[in-house]
Amino acid sequence: MKIQKIADVKKEAHKAITQFQTGKITKLDLYAKGVDLTHLFNDLMDSAASDPTSYLAKDTAELLHVIKHLSC
């Protein structure tokens, strides 16, 4: 999936958490996905004015925070 909007980051973060909780990915995999998604999220926030899904930023940031805590 090509991530182009904050909504895409949110969807992928939720997917990663679910995969971790069901044992489909390891803690290390979750950490790596979290790092990648955080970088993408930060890049998208830099241009959030042009993103129609920018209203999801807080929810997305909270999901990335959950990934951080689950993977540590």
PDB file of N, CA and C in Angstrom:
ATOM      1  N   MET A   1       0.840  -1.188   0.000  1.00  0.00           N
ATOM      2  CA  MET A   1       0.000   0.000   0.000  1.00  0.00           C
ATOM      3  C   MET A   1       0.881   1.246   0.000  1.00  0.00           C
ATOM      4  N   LYS A   2       0.584   2.163  -0.886  1.00  0.00           N
ATOM      5  CA  LYS A   2       1.307   3.428  -0.924  1.00  0.00           C
ATOM      6  C   LYS A   2       0.620   4.386   0.038  1.00  0.00           C
ATOM      7  N   ILE A   3       1.380   4.889   0.980  1.00  0.00           N
ATOM      8  CA  ILE A   3       0.831   5.781   1.992  1.00  0.00           C
ATOM      9  C   ILE A   3       0.954   7.221   1.511  1.00  0.00           C
ATOM     10  N   GLN A   4      -0.201   7.860   1.327  1.00  0.00           N
ATOM     11  CA  GLN A   4      -0.224   9.226   0.820  1.00  0.00           C
ATOM     12  C   GLN A   4      -0.975  10.188   1.734  1.00  0.00           C
ATOM     13  N   LYS A   5      -1.735   9.652   2.676  1.00  0.00           N
ATOM     14  CA  LYS A   5      -2.548  10.489   3.557  1.00  0.00           C
ATOM     15  C   LYS A   5      -2.384  10.019   4.997  1.00  0.00           C
ATOM     16  N   ILE A   6      -2.727  10.897   5.911  1.00  0.00           N
ATOM     17  CA  ILE A   6      -2.681  10.557   7.328  1.00  0.00           C
ATOM     18  C   ILE A   6      -3.608   9.379   7.608  1.00  0.00           C
ATOM     19  N   ALA A   7      -4.721   9.308   6.907  1.00  0.00           N
ATOM     20  CA  ALA A   7      -5.647   8.181   7.079  1.00  0.00           C
ATOM     21  C   ALA A   7      -4.971   6.856   6.733  1.00  0.00           C
ATOM     22  N   ASP A   8      -4.072   6.873   5.755  1.00  0.00           N
ATOM     23  CA  ASP A   8      -3.341   5.657   5.381  1.00  0.00           C
ATOM     24  C   ASP A   8      -2.396   5.225   6.500  1.00  0.00           C
ATOM     25  N   VAL A   9      -1.748   6.202   7.139  1.00  0.00           N
ATOM     26  CA  VAL A   9      -0.850   5.893   8.259  1.00  0.00           C
ATOM     27  C   VAL A   9      -1.662   5.297   9.402  1.00  0.00           C
ATOM     28  N   LYS A  10      -2.812   5.897   9.686  1.00  0.00           N
ATOM     29  CA  LYS A  10      -3.674   5.393  10.760  1.00  0.00           C
ATOM     30  C   LYS A  10      -4.086   3.950  10.485  1.00  0.00           C
ATOM     31  N   LYS A  11      -4.491   3.682   9.259  1.00  0.00           N
ATOM     32  CA  LYS A  11      -4.920   2.332   8.881  1.00  0.00           C
ATOM     33  C   LYS A  11      -3.777   1.328   9.049  1.00  0.00           C
ATOM     34  N   GLU A  12      -2.588   1.691   8.603  1.00  0.00           N
ATOM     35  CA  GLU A  12      -1.435   0.793   8.705  1.00  0.00           C
ATOM     36  C   GLU A  12      -0.999   0.603  10.155  1.00  0.00           C
ATOM     37  N   ALA A  13      -1.097   1.650  10.977  1.00  0.00           N
ATOM     38  CA  ALA A  13      -0.749   1.529  12.398  1.00  0.00           C
ATOM     39  C   ALA A  13      -1.718   0.572  13.094  1.00  0.00           C
ATOM     40  N   HIS A  14      -2.992   0.725  12.815  1.00  0.00           N
ATOM     41  CA  HIS A  14      -4.002  -0.164  13.402  1.00  0.00           C
ATOM     42  C   HIS A  14      -3.761  -1.605  12.961  1.00  0.00           C
ATOM     43  N   LYS A  15      -3.436  -1.778  11.693  1.00  0.00           N
ATOM     44  CA  LYS A  15      -3.153  -3.111  11.153  1.00  0.00           C
ATOM     45  C   LYS A  15      -1.943  -3.735  11.853  1.00  0.00           C
ATOM     46  N   ALA A  16      -0.890  -2.945  12.067  1.00  0.00           N
ATOM     47  CA  ALA A  16       0.317  -3.457  12.723  1.00  0.00           C
ATOM     48  C   ALA A  16       0.027  -3.876  14.161  1.00  0.00           C
ATOM     49  N   ILE A  17      -0.755  -3.071  14.873  1.00  0.00           N
ATOM     50  CA  ILE A  17      -1.110  -3.418  16.254  1.00  0.00           C
ATOM     51  C   ILE A  17      -1.902  -4.721  16.280  1.00  0.00           C
ATOM     52  N   THR A  18      -2.860  -4.862  15.395  1.00  0.00           N
ATOM     53  CA  THR A  18      -3.663  -6.084  15.325  1.00  0.00           C
ATOM     54  C   THR A  18      -2.791  -7.291  14.995  1.00  0.00           C
ATOM     55  N   GLN A  19      -1.872  -7.138  14.045  1.00  0.00           N
ATOM     56  CA  GLN A  19      -0.978  -8.238  13.684  1.00  0.00           C
ATOM     57  C   GLN A  19      -0.106  -8.643  14.870  1.00  0.00           C
ATOM     58  N   PHE A  20       0.353  -7.677  15.643  1.00  0.00           N
ATOM     59  CA  PHE A  20       1.167  -7.984  16.819  1.00  0.00           C
ATOM     60  C   PHE A  20       0.331  -8.703  17.879  1.00  0.00           C
ATOM     61  N   GLN A  21      -0.857  -8.198  18.129  1.00  0.00           N
ATOM     62  CA  GLN A  21      -1.717  -8.785  19.156  1.00  0.00           C
ATOM     63  C   GLN A  21      -2.149 -10.207  18.813  1.00  0.00           C
ATOM     64  N   THR A  22      -2.208 -10.530  17.532  1.00  0.00           N
ATOM     65  CA  THR A  22      -2.609 -11.876  17.121  1.00  0.00           C
ATOM     66  C   THR A  22      -1.409 -12.779  16.840  1.00  0.00           C
ATOM     67  N   GLY A  23      -0.210 -12.276  17.103  1.00  0.00           N
ATOM     68  CA  GLY A  23       0.995 -13.085  16.947  1.00  0.00           C
ATOM     69  C   GLY A  23       1.506 -13.224  15.530  1.00  0.00           C
ATOM     70  N   LYS A  24       1.015 -12.417  14.612  1.00  0.00           N
ATOM     71  CA  LYS A  24       1.445 -12.519  13.214  1.00  0.00           C
ATOM     72  C   LYS A  24       2.768 -11.811  12.953  1.00  0.00           C
ATOM     73  N   ILE A  25       3.119 -10.845  13.806  1.00  0.00           N
ATOM     74  CA  ILE A  25       4.425 -10.188  13.702  1.00  0.00           C
ATOM     75  C   ILE A  25       5.057 -10.127  15.085  1.00  0.00           C
ATOM     76  N   THR A  26       6.374 -10.027  15.113  1.00  0.00           N
ATOM     77  CA  THR A  26       7.104  -9.979  16.377  1.00  0.00           C
ATOM     78  C   THR A  26       7.167  -8.551  16.914  1.00  0.00           C
ATOM     79  N   LYS A  27       7.650  -8.433  18.137  1.00  0.00           N
ATOM     80  CA  LYS A  27       7.842  -7.123  18.740  1.00  0.00           C
ATOM     81  C   LYS A  27       8.824  -6.290  17.922  1.00  0.00           C
ATOM     82  N   LEU A  28       9.866  -6.934  17.399  1.00  0.00           N
ATOM     83  CA  LEU A  28      10.851  -6.234  16.570  1.00  0.00           C
ATOM     84  C   LEU A  28      10.219  -5.749  15.264  1.00  0.00           C
ATOM     85  N   ASP A  29       9.374  -6.581  14.652  1.00  0.00           N
ATOM     86  CA  ASP A  29       8.663  -6.168  13.435  1.00  0.00           C
ATOM     87  C   ASP A  29       7.742  -4.982  13.717  1.00  0.00           C
ATOM     88  N   LEU A  30       7.062  -5.035  14.855  1.00  0.00           N
ATOM     89  CA  LEU A  30       6.176  -3.939  15.241  1.00  0.00           C
ATOM     90  C   LEU A  30       6.972  -2.651  15.417  1.00  0.00           C
ATOM     91  N   TYR A  31       8.122  -2.760  16.054  1.00  0.00           N
ATOM     92  CA  TYR A  31       8.980  -1.588  16.252  1.00  0.00           C
ATOM     93  C   TYR A  31       9.395  -0.988  14.909  1.00  0.00           C
ATOM     94  N   ALA A  32       9.830  -1.844  13.986  1.00  0.00           N
ATOM     95  CA  ALA A  32      10.273  -1.375  12.666  1.00  0.00           C
ATOM     96  C   ALA A  32       9.129  -0.693  11.916  1.00  0.00           C
ATOM     97  N   LYS A  33       7.938  -1.295  11.973  1.00  0.00           N
ATOM     98  CA  LYS A  33       6.784  -0.676  11.321  1.00  0.00           C
ATOM     99  C   LYS A  33       6.454   0.664  11.974  1.00  0.00           C
ATOM    100  N   GLY A  34       6.558   0.709  13.283  1.00  0.00           N
ATOM    101  CA  GLY A  34       6.284   1.952  14.004  1.00  0.00           C
ATOM    102  C   GLY A  34       7.228   3.069  13.609  1.00  0.00           C
ATOM    103  N   VAL A  35       8.504   2.738  13.481  1.00  0.00           N
ATOM    104  CA  VAL A  35       9.495   3.738  13.064  1.00  0.00           C
ATOM    105  C   VAL A  35       9.168   4.249  11.667  1.00  0.00           C
ATOM    106  N   ASP A  36       8.924   3.331  10.745  1.00  0.00           N
ATOM    107  CA  ASP A  36       8.599   3.726   9.368  1.00  0.00           C
ATOM    108  C   ASP A  36       7.341   4.593   9.314  1.00  0.00           C
ATOM    109  N   LEU A  37       6.316   4.167  10.031  1.00  0.00           N
ATOM    110  CA  LEU A  37       5.061   4.918  10.015  1.00  0.00           C
ATOM    111  C   LEU A  37       5.209   6.289  10.670  1.00  0.00           C
ATOM    112  N   THR A  38       6.028   6.370  11.705  1.00  0.00           N
ATOM    113  CA  THR A  38       6.256   7.658  12.361  1.00  0.00           C
ATOM    114  C   THR A  38       6.954   8.632  11.426  1.00  0.00           C
ATOM    115  N   HIS A  39       7.937   8.148  10.688  1.00  0.00           N
ATOM    116  CA  HIS A  39       8.617   9.012   9.711  1.00  0.00           C
ATOM    117  C   HIS A  39       7.641   9.488   8.632  1.00  0.00           C
ATOM    118  N   LEU A  40       6.833   8.583   8.130  1.00  0.00           N
ATOM    119  CA  LEU A  40       5.837   8.958   7.123  1.00  0.00           C
ATOM    120  C   LEU A  40       4.826   9.954   7.688  1.00  0.00           C
ATOM    121  N   PHE A  41       4.389   9.709   8.915  1.00  0.00           N
ATOM    122  CA  PHE A  41       3.438  10.603   9.571  1.00  0.00           C
ATOM    123  C   PHE A  41       4.027  12.007   9.702  1.00  0.00           C
ATOM    124  N   ASN A  42       5.278  12.087  10.137  1.00  0.00           N
ATOM    125  CA  ASN A  42       5.926  13.390  10.290  1.00  0.00           C
ATOM    126  C   ASN A  42       6.031  14.109   8.954  1.00  0.00           C
ATOM    127  N   ASP A  43       6.391  13.382   7.912  1.00  0.00           N
ATOM    128  CA  ASP A  43       6.469  13.989   6.577  1.00  0.00           C
ATOM    129  C   ASP A  43       5.100  14.506   6.127  1.00  0.00           C
ATOM    130  N   LEU A  44       4.066  13.708   6.380  1.00  0.00           N
ATOM    131  CA  LEU A  44       2.720  14.121   5.988  1.00  0.00           C
ATOM    132  C   LEU A  44       2.234  15.319   6.806  1.00  0.00           C
ATOM    133  N   MET A  45       2.619  15.377   8.071  1.00  0.00           N
ATOM    134  CA  MET A  45       2.213  16.508   8.907  1.00  0.00           C
ATOM    135  C   MET A  45       2.855  17.803   8.431  1.00  0.00           C
ATOM    136  N   ASP A  46       4.031  17.708   7.840  1.00  0.00           N
ATOM    137  CA  ASP A  46       4.680  18.904   7.301  1.00  0.00           C
ATOM    138  C   ASP A  46       3.855  19.530   6.185  1.00  0.00           C
ATOM    139  N   SER A  47       3.070  18.719   5.511  1.00  0.00           N
ATOM    140  CA  SER A  47       2.229  19.233   4.425  1.00  0.00           C
ATOM    141  C   SER A  47       0.750  18.960   4.703  1.00  0.00           C
ATOM    142  N   ALA A  48       0.373  18.976   5.964  1.00  0.00           N
ATOM    143  CA  ALA A  48      -0.981  18.592   6.376  1.00  0.00           C
ATOM    144  C   ALA A  48      -2.070  19.504   5.817  1.00  0.00           C
ATOM    145  N   ALA A  49      -1.736  20.719   5.491  1.00  0.00           N
ATOM    146  CA  ALA A  49      -2.764  21.631   4.982  1.00  0.00           C
ATOM    147  C   ALA A  49      -3.388  21.114   3.690  1.00  0.00           C
ATOM    148  N   SER A  50      -2.622  20.349   2.931  1.00  0.00           N
ATOM    149  CA  SER A  50      -3.145  19.826   1.669  1.00  0.00           C
ATOM    150  C   SER A  50      -3.745  18.426   1.811  1.00  0.00           C
ATOM    151  N   ASP A  51      -3.770  17.899   3.018  1.00  0.00           N
ATOM    152  CA  ASP A  51      -4.284  16.551   3.261  1.00  0.00           C
ATOM    153  C   ASP A  51      -5.703  16.634   3.820  1.00  0.00           C
ATOM    154  N   PRO A  52      -6.689  16.143   3.077  1.00  0.00           N
ATOM    155  CA  PRO A  52      -8.066  16.208   3.569  1.00  0.00           C
ATOM    156  C   PRO A  52      -8.324  15.325   4.789  1.00  0.00           C
ATOM    157  N   THR A  53      -7.391  14.437   5.122  1.00  0.00           N
ATOM    158  CA  THR A  53      -7.575  13.576   6.297  1.00  0.00           C
ATOM    159  C   THR A  53      -6.746  14.057   7.482  1.00  0.00           C
ATOM    160  N   SER A  54      -6.270  15.296   7.450  1.00  0.00           N
ATOM    161  CA  SER A  54      -5.419  15.795   8.532  1.00  0.00           C
ATOM    162  C   SER A  54      -6.152  15.845   9.872  1.00  0.00           C
ATOM    163  N   TYR A  55      -7.483  15.848   9.847  1.00  0.00           N
ATOM    164  CA  TYR A  55      -8.244  15.832  11.098  1.00  0.00           C
ATOM    165  C   TYR A  55      -8.015  14.538  11.888  1.00  0.00           C
ATOM    166  N   LEU A  56      -7.450  13.526  11.250  1.00  0.00           N
ATOM    167  CA  LEU A  56      -7.160  12.252  11.916  1.00  0.00           C
ATOM    168  C   LEU A  56      -5.798  12.250  12.601  1.00  0.00           C
ATOM    169  N   ALA A  57      -5.103  13.363  12.598  1.00  0.00           N
ATOM    170  CA  ALA A  57      -3.734  13.421  13.111  1.00  0.00           C
ATOM    171  C   ALA A  57      -3.636  12.978  14.569  1.00  0.00           C
ATOM    172  N   LYS A  58      -4.543  13.444  15.421  1.00  0.00           N
ATOM    173  CA  LYS A  58      -4.470  13.090  16.840  1.00  0.00           C
ATOM    174  C   LYS A  58      -4.669  11.589  17.040  1.00  0.00           C
ATOM    175  N   ASP A  59      -5.672  11.021  16.402  1.00  0.00           N
ATOM    176  CA  ASP A  59      -5.916   9.578  16.512  1.00  0.00           C
ATOM    177  C   ASP A  59      -4.718   8.780  16.011  1.00  0.00           C
ATOM    178  N   THR A  60      -4.147   9.231  14.909  1.00  0.00           N
ATOM    179  CA  THR A  60      -3.002   8.540  14.322  1.00  0.00           C
ATOM    180  C   THR A  60      -1.804   8.618  15.249  1.00  0.00           C
ATOM    181  N   ALA A  61      -1.561   9.785  15.817  1.00  0.00           N
ATOM    182  CA  ALA A  61      -0.448   9.948  16.754  1.00  0.00           C
ATOM    183  C   ALA A  61      -0.625   9.037  17.966  1.00  0.00           C
ATOM    184  N   GLU A  62      -1.851   8.888  18.437  1.00  0.00           N
ATOM    185  CA  GLU A  62      -2.112   8.003  19.575  1.00  0.00           C
ATOM    186  C   GLU A  62      -1.832   6.544  19.219  1.00  0.00           C
ATOM    187  N   LEU A  63      -2.188   6.116  18.017  1.00  0.00           N
ATOM    188  CA  LEU A  63      -1.890   4.745  17.590  1.00  0.00           C
ATOM    189  C   LEU A  63      -0.384   4.520  17.496  1.00  0.00           C
ATOM    190  N   LEU A  64       0.344   5.503  16.984  1.00  0.00           N
ATOM    191  CA  LEU A  64       1.799   5.379  16.903  1.00  0.00           C
ATOM    192  C   LEU A  64       2.401   5.313  18.300  1.00  0.00           C
ATOM    193  N   HIS A  65       1.801   6.019  19.247  1.00  0.00           N
ATOM    194  CA  HIS A  65       2.256   5.970  20.642  1.00  0.00           C
ATOM    195  C   HIS A  65       2.022   4.571  21.231  1.00  0.00           C
ATOM    196  N   VAL A  66       0.905   3.969  20.901  1.00  0.00           N
ATOM    197  CA  VAL A  66       0.622   2.597  21.355  1.00  0.00           C
ATOM    198  C   VAL A  66       1.664   1.636  20.793  1.00  0.00           C
ATOM    199  N   ILE A  67       1.994   1.785  19.513  1.00  0.00           N
ATOM    200  CA  ILE A  67       3.022   0.933  18.901  1.00  0.00           C
ATOM    201  C   ILE A  67       4.335   1.086  19.644  1.00  0.00           C
ATOM    202  N   LYS A  68       4.692   2.317  19.968  1.00  0.00           N
ATOM    203  CA  LYS A  68       5.945   2.564  20.691  1.00  0.00           C
ATOM    204  C   LYS A  68       5.960   1.794  22.009  1.00  0.00           C
ATOM    205  N   HIS A  69       4.878   1.880  22.767  1.00  0.00           N
ATOM    206  CA  HIS A  69       4.841   1.217  24.069  1.00  0.00           C
ATOM    207  C   HIS A  69       4.758  -0.304  23.959  1.00  0.00           C
ATOM    208  N   LEU A  70       4.048  -0.810  22.980  1.00  0.00           N
ATOM    209  CA  LEU A  70       3.957  -2.261  22.817  1.00  0.00           C
ATOM    210  C   LEU A  70       5.277  -2.874  22.365  1.00  0.00           C
ATOM    211  N   SER A  71       6.061  -2.106  21.624  1.00  0.00           N
ATOM    212  CA  SER A  71       7.283  -2.678  21.050  1.00  0.00           C
ATOM    213  C   SER A  71       8.514  -2.476  21.924  1.00  0.00           C
ATOM    214  N   CYS A  72       8.368  -1.806  23.048  1.00  0.00           N
ATOM    215  CA  CYS A  72       9.525  -1.595  23.942  1.00  0.00           C
ATOM    216  C   CYS A  72       9.563  -2.617  25.046  1.00  0.00           C
TER     217      CYS A  72
END
